[in-house]
Amino acid sequence: MSTDTNELTPAFVERQRDRLEVLRDRLLNDTVRAAAEERDMSQRQGNEVHDAGDEGAIEALRTAAELRSARGTSRLREIERALEKITDGSYGLSDESGDPIGRGRLEAVPEALFTVEEEALRER
């Protein structure tokens, strides 16, 4: 019996579920921690006098934090969607075309919802 290396076996999908759940939990914990750090930073700096350089640095930190938060939120949605797909039996199929997503891509990015080609077009 030969096994196609691109085949998504039940054991592979179960391992992916475990990976996705760990990633989801890590992202949720990071989000909570980042929000607490942001509140702490705002409270400590709220009563201090700042010069223009300080204000610029603070704004840069806030912008970076917002960007990380947005990326985390987006990735969290993708992870939740991938977990839904495992539950409904469509994991490994593109949300856009229904074409198979390569096993190698799923190993690298377990929350992948699109083929490599579709993802490249979406990023343009």
Protein backbone atom coordinates (compact mmCIF):
# COMPACT_ATOMS: atom_id res chain seq x y z
CA MET A 1 0.00 0.00 0.00
CA SER A 2 1.61 3.27 -1.09
CA THR A 3 1.01 6.49 0.76
CA ASP A 4 0.84 9.74 -1.16
CA THR A 5 3.12 12.20 0.66
CA ASN A 6 0.57 14.94 -0.03
CA GLU A 7 -2.30 12.94 1.48
CA LEU A 8 -3.93 14.40 4.56
CA THR A 9 -4.35 11.33 6.73
CA PRO A 10 -6.58 11.40 9.82
CA ALA A 11 -3.44 11.24 11.98
CA PHE A 12 -1.95 14.26 10.16
CA VAL A 13 -5.17 16.26 10.54
CA GLU A 14 -5.33 15.40 14.26
CA ARG A 15 -1.74 16.60 14.73
CA GLN A 16 -2.66 19.79 12.91
CA ARG A 17 -5.65 20.27 15.23
CA ASP A 18 -3.30 19.99 18.22
CA ARG A 19 -0.85 22.47 16.67
CA LEU A 20 -3.64 24.92 15.87
CA GLU A 21 -5.03 24.73 19.39
CA VAL A 22 -1.58 25.42 20.86
CA LEU A 23 -1.10 28.37 18.45
CA ARG A 24 -4.55 29.73 19.33
CA ASP A 25 -3.86 29.53 23.06
CA ARG A 26 -0.45 31.18 22.65
CA LEU A 27 -1.91 34.02 20.60
CA LEU A 28 -4.69 34.58 23.12
CA ASN A 29 -2.17 34.68 25.98
CA ASP A 30 0.09 37.07 24.05
CA THR A 31 -2.86 39.35 23.36
CA VAL A 32 -3.85 39.49 27.03
CA ARG A 33 -0.25 40.12 28.08
CA ALA A 34 0.24 42.85 25.46
CA ALA A 35 -2.95 44.61 26.54
CA ALA A 36 -1.80 44.53 30.18
CA GLU A 37 1.62 45.93 29.22
CA GLU A 38 -0.04 48.68 27.17
CA ARG A 39 -2.25 49.65 30.13
CA ASP A 40 0.74 49.61 32.46
CA MET A 41 2.80 51.76 30.10
CA SER A 42 -0.04 54.25 29.69
CA GLN A 43 -0.56 54.49 33.46
CA ARG A 44 3.14 55.01 34.19
CA GLN A 45 3.54 57.64 31.49
CA GLY A 46 0.24 59.40 32.04
CA ASN A 47 1.52 61.69 34.78
CA GLU A 48 5.05 62.25 33.45
CA VAL A 49 6.15 65.31 31.47
CA HIS A 50 7.44 64.35 28.04
CA ASP A 51 9.36 66.24 25.39
CA ALA A 52 8.65 65.91 21.67
CA GLY A 53 11.15 63.04 21.33
CA ASP A 54 9.46 61.12 24.13
CA GLU A 55 6.06 61.63 22.52
CA GLY A 56 7.39 60.39 19.18
CA ALA A 57 8.89 57.30 20.77
CA ILE A 58 5.68 56.59 22.67
CA GLU A 59 3.63 56.97 19.50
CA ALA A 60 5.98 54.63 17.62
CA LEU A 61 5.59 52.01 20.38
CA ARG A 62 1.81 52.33 20.27
CA THR A 63 1.74 52.06 16.48
CA ALA A 64 3.90 48.93 16.61
CA ALA A 65 1.67 47.45 19.32
CA GLU A 66 -1.46 48.15 17.24
CA LEU A 67 0.13 46.50 14.19
CA ARG A 68 1.08 43.41 16.22
CA SER A 69 -2.42 43.30 17.63
CA ALA A 70 -4.00 43.52 14.17
CA ARG A 71 -1.75 40.75 12.84
CA GLY A 72 -2.49 38.61 15.88
CA THR A 73 -6.23 39.14 15.47
CA SER A 74 -6.04 38.23 11.79
CA ARG A 75 -4.02 35.11 12.49
CA LEU A 76 -6.38 34.14 15.29
CA ARG A 77 -9.32 34.32 12.84
CA GLU A 78 -7.41 32.11 10.40
CA ILE A 79 -6.64 29.59 13.14
CA GLU A 80 -10.28 29.49 14.23
CA ARG A 81 -11.34 29.00 10.60
CA ALA A 82 -8.85 26.16 10.14
CA LEU A 83 -10.20 24.47 13.29
CA GLU A 84 -13.74 24.83 11.89
CA LYS A 85 -12.56 23.23 8.65
CA ILE A 86 -11.12 20.28 10.57
CA THR A 87 -14.47 19.84 12.29
CA ASP A 88 -16.48 19.99 9.05
CA GLY A 89 -14.02 17.84 7.09
CA SER A 90 -12.81 20.50 4.66
CA TYR A 91 -9.35 21.10 6.17
CA GLY A 92 -6.73 21.23 3.44
CA LEU A 93 -9.09 22.66 0.82
CA SER A 94 -8.89 26.29 -0.25
CA ASP A 95 -11.62 28.59 1.00
CA GLU A 96 -11.46 30.37 -2.35
CA SER A 97 -11.41 27.59 -4.95
CA GLY A 98 -11.83 24.34 -3.08
CA ASP A 99 -8.50 23.17 -4.53
CA PRO A 100 -6.24 21.12 -2.26
CA ILE A 101 -3.66 23.04 -0.23
CA GLY A 102 -0.36 21.19 -0.33
CA ARG A 103 0.59 19.19 2.74
CA GLY A 104 3.96 20.98 2.86
CA ARG A 105 2.18 24.33 3.05
CA LEU A 106 -0.09 23.06 5.83
CA GLU A 107 2.93 21.76 7.73
CA ALA A 108 4.57 25.20 7.45
CA VAL A 109 1.40 27.22 8.02
CA PRO A 110 -1.23 25.02 9.67
CA GLU A 111 -3.83 27.79 9.47
CA ALA A 112 -3.42 28.20 5.69
CA LEU A 113 -6.80 28.78 4.05
CA PHE A 114 -5.62 29.28 0.47
CA THR A 115 -3.18 27.64 -1.92
CA VAL A 116 0.24 29.25 -2.34
CA GLU A 117 -0.84 30.73 -5.67
CA GLU A 118 -4.07 32.16 -4.26
CA GLU A 119 -2.24 33.63 -1.28
CA ALA A 120 0.27 35.32 -3.59
CA LEU A 121 -2.55 36.90 -5.59
CA ARG A 122 -4.28 38.08 -2.41
CA GLU A 123 -1.09 39.76 -1.17
CA ARG A 124 -0.73 41.83 -4.34
